[in-house]
Amino acid sequence: MSVVWQQVEGPDEVDAPLAELPAPPRPGWLRRWLWAPALVVTAALYVLRRTIENPSGELELWLFMGMLAGLMVTAVAALVRYRDDQRQATEGRDAAAFGADARSATGSVSVNERRTSSGLLLSGVVSYPTDDGTADRPFSYLLRRDDEERLPSPRDGDPVAVWWAPGTETVVVRYHRDWADAVRRRTGRR
């Protein structure tokens, strides 16, 4: 489940048509390919161990520990690559689904705030209507210290604009305080 939080500049932007989903940053070269050199080092240590005749106990221990460390780095790096590939494939499918059948609704948000050194960490639950009833999605969003004055954070129970597409786990949420106040006045909520 993924919630893309968009804290927009003005109330008119909340209801603006949804553009393409923002592309996630591509992982760097090292993150994608670290498993390969770690595997090569592990294999080289194994070959070295097999070619040395009568190694001392200490040398054999160090070679074994090197192989074990190389194998662990290989396993973790391969898992990271696998998860990155999975995430990119999911986000590609979600972008296609949003392009074909994005639906919007007005939902509400329950918010917990926590001050950090970088800004204000917002976390909580977004609730919105779907074809199958009401969906609740947990979210977290860091409102940077520079943006706190310009973009006030949502209050508990504030309305939000929600875009979702059937068959995806991604939800786009847009919020602006003036838009939320206008929706509250229109619906008679305080």
C-alpha atoms as a PDB file:
ATOM      1  CA  MET A   1       0.000   0.000   0.000  1.00  0.00           C
ATOM      2  CA  SER A   2       1.324   3.355  -1.012  1.00  0.00           C
ATOM      3  CA  VAL A   3      -0.053   6.817  -0.300  1.00  0.00           C
ATOM      4  CA  VAL A   4       1.366   9.648  -2.398  1.00  0.00           C
ATOM      5  CA  TRP A   5       0.744  12.831  -0.398  1.00  0.00           C
ATOM      6  CA  GLN A   6       0.636  16.088  -2.361  1.00  0.00           C
ATOM      7  CA  GLN A   7       0.566  19.272  -0.297  1.00  0.00           C
ATOM      8  CA  VAL A   8      -0.433  21.739  -3.057  1.00  0.00           C
ATOM      9  CA  GLU A   9       0.169  25.507  -3.302  1.00  0.00           C
ATOM     10  CA  GLY A  10      -3.431  26.676  -3.756  1.00  0.00           C
ATOM     11  CA  PRO A  11      -7.019  25.485  -3.247  1.00  0.00           C
ATOM     12  CA  ASP A  12      -7.670  25.330  -7.014  1.00  0.00           C
ATOM     13  CA  GLU A  13      -4.882  22.781  -7.442  1.00  0.00           C
ATOM     14  CA  VAL A  14      -6.614  20.270  -5.151  1.00  0.00           C
ATOM     15  CA  ASP A  15      -9.367  19.564  -7.680  1.00  0.00           C
ATOM     16  CA  ALA A  16      -7.116  19.947 -10.732  1.00  0.00           C
ATOM     17  CA  PRO A  17      -6.925  16.882 -12.968  1.00  0.00           C
ATOM     18  CA  LEU A  18      -4.442  14.281 -11.863  1.00  0.00           C
ATOM     19  CA  ALA A  19      -1.256  14.311 -13.902  1.00  0.00           C
ATOM     20  CA  GLU A  20       1.059  11.331 -14.197  1.00  0.00           C
ATOM     21  CA  LEU A  21       2.150   9.759 -10.972  1.00  0.00           C
ATOM     22  CA  PRO A  22       5.533  11.113  -9.923  1.00  0.00           C
ATOM     23  CA  ALA A  23       8.287   8.732 -10.939  1.00  0.00           C
ATOM     24  CA  PRO A  24      10.330   7.363  -8.061  1.00  0.00           C
ATOM     25  CA  PRO A  25      14.056   7.971  -8.147  1.00  0.00           C
ATOM     26  CA  ARG A  26      15.923   5.174  -9.876  1.00  0.00           C
ATOM     27  CA  PRO A  27      18.307   3.301  -7.609  1.00  0.00           C
ATOM     28  CA  GLY A  28      21.975   4.024  -8.171  1.00  0.00           C
ATOM     29  CA  TRP A  29      24.426   1.775  -9.954  1.00  0.00           C
ATOM     30  CA  LEU A  30      25.988   0.508  -6.730  1.00  0.00           C
ATOM     31  CA  ARG A  31      22.617  -0.397  -5.219  1.00  0.00           C
ATOM     32  CA  ARG A  32      21.624  -2.363  -8.319  1.00  0.00           C
ATOM     33  CA  TRP A  33      24.904  -4.188  -8.945  1.00  0.00           C
ATOM     34  CA  LEU A  34      26.631  -4.640  -5.554  1.00  0.00           C
ATOM     35  CA  TRP A  35      25.624  -8.302  -5.492  1.00  0.00           C
ATOM     36  CA  ALA A  36      27.854  -9.109  -8.522  1.00  0.00           C
ATOM     37  CA  PRO A  37      31.267  -8.041  -7.140  1.00  0.00           C
ATOM     38  CA  ALA A  38      30.372  -9.564  -3.764  1.00  0.00           C
ATOM     39  CA  LEU A  39      29.626 -12.868  -5.499  1.00  0.00           C
ATOM     40  CA  VAL A  40      32.889 -12.692  -7.479  1.00  0.00           C
ATOM     41  CA  VAL A  41      34.895 -12.069  -4.276  1.00  0.00           C
ATOM     42  CA  THR A  42      33.141 -14.956  -2.543  1.00  0.00           C
ATOM     43  CA  ALA A  43      33.856 -17.304  -5.459  1.00  0.00           C
ATOM     44  CA  ALA A  44      37.501 -16.134  -5.613  1.00  0.00           C
ATOM     45  CA  LEU A  45      37.950 -16.855  -1.889  1.00  0.00           C
ATOM     46  CA  TYR A  46      36.425 -20.312  -2.383  1.00  0.00           C
ATOM     47  CA  VAL A  47      38.755 -21.071  -5.308  1.00  0.00           C
ATOM     48  CA  LEU A  48      41.717 -19.757  -3.319  1.00  0.00           C
ATOM     49  CA  ARG A  49      40.799 -22.015  -0.393  1.00  0.00           C
ATOM     50  CA  ARG A  50      40.548 -25.057  -2.678  1.00  0.00           C
ATOM     51  CA  THR A  51      43.906 -24.376  -4.395  1.00  0.00           C
ATOM     52  CA  ILE A  52      45.991 -23.875  -1.251  1.00  0.00           C
ATOM     53  CA  GLU A  53      47.513 -27.143  -0.085  1.00  0.00           C
ATOM     54  CA  ASN A  54      47.677 -27.666   3.650  1.00  0.00           C
ATOM     55  CA  PRO A  55      46.528 -24.201   4.840  1.00  0.00           C
ATOM     56  CA  SER A  56      47.147 -23.307   8.458  1.00  0.00           C
ATOM     57  CA  GLY A  57      44.151 -23.269  10.757  1.00  0.00           C
ATOM     58  CA  GLU A  58      44.274 -19.483  11.043  1.00  0.00           C
ATOM     59  CA  LEU A  59      44.372 -18.952   7.258  1.00  0.00           C
ATOM     60  CA  GLU A  60      41.543 -21.425   6.757  1.00  0.00           C
ATOM     61  CA  LEU A  61      39.469 -19.565   9.375  1.00  0.00           C
ATOM     62  CA  TRP A  62      40.068 -16.187   7.683  1.00  0.00           C
ATOM     63  CA  LEU A  63      39.198 -17.561   4.259  1.00  0.00           C
ATOM     64  CA  PHE A  64      36.022 -19.125   5.623  1.00  0.00           C
ATOM     65  CA  MET A  65      35.045 -15.881   7.408  1.00  0.00           C
ATOM     66  CA  GLY A  66      35.702 -13.930   4.172  1.00  0.00           C
ATOM     67  CA  MET A  67      33.520 -16.326   2.187  1.00  0.00           C
ATOM     68  CA  LEU A  68      30.777 -16.082   4.787  1.00  0.00           C
ATOM     69  CA  ALA A  69      30.906 -12.258   4.799  1.00  0.00           C
ATOM     70  CA  GLY A  70      30.911 -12.175   0.979  1.00  0.00           C
ATOM     71  CA  LEU A  71      27.959 -14.532   0.860  1.00  0.00           C
ATOM     72  CA  MET A  72      26.010 -12.380   3.331  1.00  0.00           C
ATOM     73  CA  VAL A  73      26.710  -9.189   1.349  1.00  0.00           C
ATOM     74  CA  THR A  74      25.681 -11.006  -1.844  1.00  0.00           C
ATOM     75  CA  ALA A  75      22.416 -12.192  -0.288  1.00  0.00           C
ATOM     76  CA  VAL A  76      21.452  -8.787   1.144  1.00  0.00           C
ATOM     77  CA  ALA A  77      22.408  -6.917  -2.037  1.00  0.00           C
ATOM     78  CA  ALA A  78      20.444  -9.387  -4.187  1.00  0.00           C
ATOM     79  CA  LEU A  79      17.402  -8.969  -1.928  1.00  0.00           C
ATOM     80  CA  VAL A  80      17.652  -5.176  -2.186  1.00  0.00           C
ATOM     81  CA  ARG A  81      17.829  -5.440  -5.988  1.00  0.00           C
ATOM     82  CA  TYR A  82      14.828  -7.788  -6.029  1.00  0.00           C
ATOM     83  CA  ARG A  83      12.749  -5.420  -3.881  1.00  0.00           C
ATOM     84  CA  ASP A  84      13.733  -2.428  -6.033  1.00  0.00           C
ATOM     85  CA  ASP A  85      12.702  -4.304  -9.186  1.00  0.00           C
ATOM     86  CA  GLN A  86       9.416  -5.309  -7.569  1.00  0.00           C
ATOM     87  CA  ARG A  87       8.693  -1.715  -6.527  1.00  0.00           C
ATOM     88  CA  GLN A  88       9.446  -0.363 -10.001  1.00  0.00           C
ATOM     89  CA  ALA A  89       7.198  -2.958 -11.649  1.00  0.00           C
ATOM     90  CA  THR A  90       4.351  -2.185  -9.223  1.00  0.00           C
ATOM     91  CA  GLU A  91       4.684   1.543  -9.737  1.00  0.00           C
ATOM     92  CA  GLY A  92       4.692   1.057 -13.505  1.00  0.00           C
ATOM     93  CA  ARG A  93       1.459  -0.972 -13.333  1.00  0.00           C
ATOM     94  CA  ASP A  94      -0.085   1.604 -10.985  1.00  0.00           C
ATOM     95  CA  ALA A  95       0.809   4.475 -13.346  1.00  0.00           C
ATOM     96  CA  ALA A  96      -0.831   2.621 -16.245  1.00  0.00           C
ATOM     97  CA  ALA A  97      -3.955   1.937 -14.150  1.00  0.00           C
ATOM     98  CA  PHE A  98      -4.176   5.591 -13.080  1.00  0.00           C
ATOM     99  CA  GLY A  99      -3.840   6.667 -16.710  1.00  0.00           C
ATOM    100  CA  ALA A 100      -6.664   4.339 -17.767  1.00  0.00           C
ATOM    101  CA  ASP A 101      -9.169   4.535 -14.892  1.00  0.00           C
ATOM    102  CA  ALA A 102      -8.388   7.056 -12.144  1.00  0.00           C
ATOM    103  CA  ARG A 103     -11.280   7.848  -9.842  1.00  0.00           C
ATOM    104  CA  SER A 104     -11.553  10.668  -7.353  1.00  0.00           C
ATOM    105  CA  ALA A 105     -13.416  11.107  -4.111  1.00  0.00           C
ATOM    106  CA  THR A 106     -13.380  13.314  -1.074  1.00  0.00           C
ATOM    107  CA  GLY A 107     -12.050  11.522   1.954  1.00  0.00           C
ATOM    108  CA  SER A 108     -10.962  12.476   5.427  1.00  0.00           C
ATOM    109  CA  VAL A 109      -7.709  12.231   7.302  1.00  0.00           C
ATOM    110  CA  SER A 110      -6.779  11.560  10.907  1.00  0.00           C
ATOM    111  CA  VAL A 111      -3.404  13.077  11.668  1.00  0.00           C
ATOM    112  CA  ASN A 112      -0.682  12.692  14.273  1.00  0.00           C
ATOM    113  CA  GLU A 113       2.097  15.279  14.209  1.00  0.00           C
ATOM    114  CA  ARG A 114       5.648  14.880  15.463  1.00  0.00           C
ATOM    115  CA  ARG A 115       8.307  17.549  15.257  1.00  0.00           C
ATOM    116  CA  THR A 116      11.668  16.380  13.871  1.00  0.00           C
ATOM    117  CA  SER A 117      14.893  18.186  13.059  1.00  0.00           C
ATOM    118  CA  SER A 118      13.882  18.274   9.361  1.00  0.00           C
ATOM    119  CA  GLY A 119      10.328  19.514   9.826  1.00  0.00           C
ATOM    120  CA  LEU A 120       6.950  18.147  10.818  1.00  0.00           C
ATOM    121  CA  LEU A 121       6.295  14.413  10.405  1.00  0.00           C
ATOM    122  CA  LEU A 122       2.624  13.785   9.641  1.00  0.00           C
ATOM    123  CA  SER A 123       1.269  10.287  10.027  1.00  0.00           C
ATOM    124  CA  GLY A 124      -2.196   8.862  10.272  1.00  0.00           C
ATOM    125  CA  VAL A 125      -4.955   7.264   8.248  1.00  0.00           C
ATOM    126  CA  VAL A 126      -6.715   8.426   5.067  1.00  0.00           C
ATOM    127  CA  SER A 127     -10.314   7.202   4.750  1.00  0.00           C
ATOM    128  CA  TYR A 128     -12.173   7.431   1.447  1.00  0.00           C
ATOM    129  CA  PRO A 129     -15.143   5.805  -0.310  1.00  0.00           C
ATOM    130  CA  THR A 130     -14.548   3.156  -2.982  1.00  0.00           C
ATOM    131  CA  ASP A 131     -16.815   0.898  -5.024  1.00  0.00           C
ATOM    132  CA  ASP A 132     -16.561  -1.738  -2.271  1.00  0.00           C
ATOM    133  CA  GLY A 133     -17.180   0.527   0.734  1.00  0.00           C
ATOM    134  CA  THR A 134     -14.726   2.622   2.705  1.00  0.00           C
ATOM    135  CA  ALA A 135     -10.982   2.132   2.479  1.00  0.00           C
ATOM    136  CA  ASP A 136      -8.489   3.166   5.167  1.00  0.00           C
ATOM    137  CA  ARG A 137      -4.843   3.658   4.230  1.00  0.00           C
ATOM    138  CA  PRO A 138      -2.025   4.536   6.626  1.00  0.00           C
ATOM    139  CA  PHE A 139       0.353   7.277   5.509  1.00  0.00           C
ATOM    140  CA  SER A 140       3.333   9.301   6.637  1.00  0.00           C
ATOM    141  CA  TYR A 141       4.624  12.520   5.119  1.00  0.00           C
ATOM    142  CA  LEU A 142       7.432  14.865   6.101  1.00  0.00           C
ATOM    143  CA  LEU A 143       6.438  18.519   5.775  1.00  0.00           C
ATOM    144  CA  ARG A 144       9.808  20.248   5.456  1.00  0.00           C
ATOM    145  CA  ARG A 145      10.603  23.114   7.808  1.00  0.00           C
ATOM    146  CA  ASP A 146      10.822  25.512   4.816  1.00  0.00           C
ATOM    147  CA  ASP A 147       7.275  24.628   3.700  1.00  0.00           C
ATOM    148  CA  GLU A 148       5.485  24.778   7.059  1.00  0.00           C
ATOM    149  CA  GLU A 149       4.593  28.496   6.791  1.00  0.00           C
ATOM    150  CA  ARG A 150       3.416  28.288   3.160  1.00  0.00           C
ATOM    151  CA  LEU A 151       1.625  24.963   3.417  1.00  0.00           C
ATOM    152  CA  PRO A 152      -0.159  24.483   6.746  1.00  0.00           C
ATOM    153  CA  SER A 153      -0.527  20.878   7.852  1.00  0.00           C
ATOM    154  CA  PRO A 154      -3.908  19.141   7.866  1.00  0.00           C
ATOM    155  CA  ARG A 155      -5.988  19.092  11.023  1.00  0.00           C
ATOM    156  CA  ASP A 156      -7.462  15.910  12.402  1.00  0.00           C
ATOM    157  CA  GLY A 157     -10.674  15.139  10.498  1.00  0.00           C
ATOM    158  CA  ASP A 158      -9.947  17.507   7.593  1.00  0.00           C
ATOM    159  CA  PRO A 159     -11.286  16.552   4.165  1.00  0.00           C
ATOM    160  CA  VAL A 160      -8.796  15.571   1.470  1.00  0.00           C
ATOM    161  CA  ALA A 161      -9.080  14.903  -2.263  1.00  0.00           C
ATOM    162  CA  VAL A 162      -8.254  11.269  -3.027  1.00  0.00           C
ATOM    163  CA  TRP A 163      -7.471   9.623  -6.364  1.00  0.00           C
ATOM    164  CA  TRP A 164      -7.423   5.855  -6.662  1.00  0.00           C
ATOM    165  CA  ALA A 165      -7.586   3.274  -9.430  1.00  0.00           C
ATOM    166  CA  PRO A 166      -9.190  -0.155  -9.130  1.00  0.00           C
ATOM    167  CA  GLY A 167      -6.696  -2.973  -8.825  1.00  0.00           C
ATOM    168  CA  THR A 168      -3.879  -0.817  -7.463  1.00  0.00           C
ATOM    169  CA  GLU A 169      -2.457  -0.322  -4.013  1.00  0.00           C
ATOM    170  CA  THR A 170      -1.540   3.330  -4.662  1.00  0.00           C
ATOM    171  CA  VAL A 171      -3.608   6.310  -3.576  1.00  0.00           C
ATOM    172  CA  VAL A 172      -2.879   9.975  -4.378  1.00  0.00           C
ATOM    173  CA  VAL A 173      -3.986  12.433  -1.690  1.00  0.00           C
ATOM    174  CA  ARG A 174      -4.068  16.211  -2.202  1.00  0.00           C
ATOM    175  CA  TYR A 175      -4.564  18.758   0.542  1.00  0.00           C
ATOM    176  CA  HIS A 176      -4.728  22.515   1.036  1.00  0.00           C
ATOM    177  CA  ARG A 177      -6.087  24.186   4.188  1.00  0.00           C
ATOM    178  CA  ASP A 178      -8.299  26.736   2.335  1.00  0.00           C
ATOM    179  CA  TRP A 179      -9.836  23.978   0.206  1.00  0.00           C
ATOM    180  CA  ALA A 180     -10.531  21.921   3.333  1.00  0.00           C
ATOM    181  CA  ASP A 181     -12.195  24.934   5.012  1.00  0.00           C
ATOM    182  CA  ALA A 182     -14.364  25.513   1.925  1.00  0.00           C
ATOM    183  CA  VAL A 183     -15.472  21.859   1.906  1.00  0.00           C
ATOM    184  CA  ARG A 184     -16.259  22.065   5.629  1.00  0.00           C
ATOM    185  CA  ARG A 185     -18.405  25.176   5.059  1.00  0.00           C
ATOM    186  CA  ARG A 186     -20.197  23.551   2.091  1.00  0.00           C
ATOM    187  CA  THR A 187     -21.030  20.413   4.058  1.00  0.00           C
ATOM    188  CA  GLY A 188     -21.827  22.219   7.299  1.00  0.00           C
ATOM    189  CA  ARG A 189     -19.026  20.550   9.278  1.00  0.00           C
ATOM    190  CA  ARG A 190     -16.913  22.641  11.620  1.00  0.00           C
END
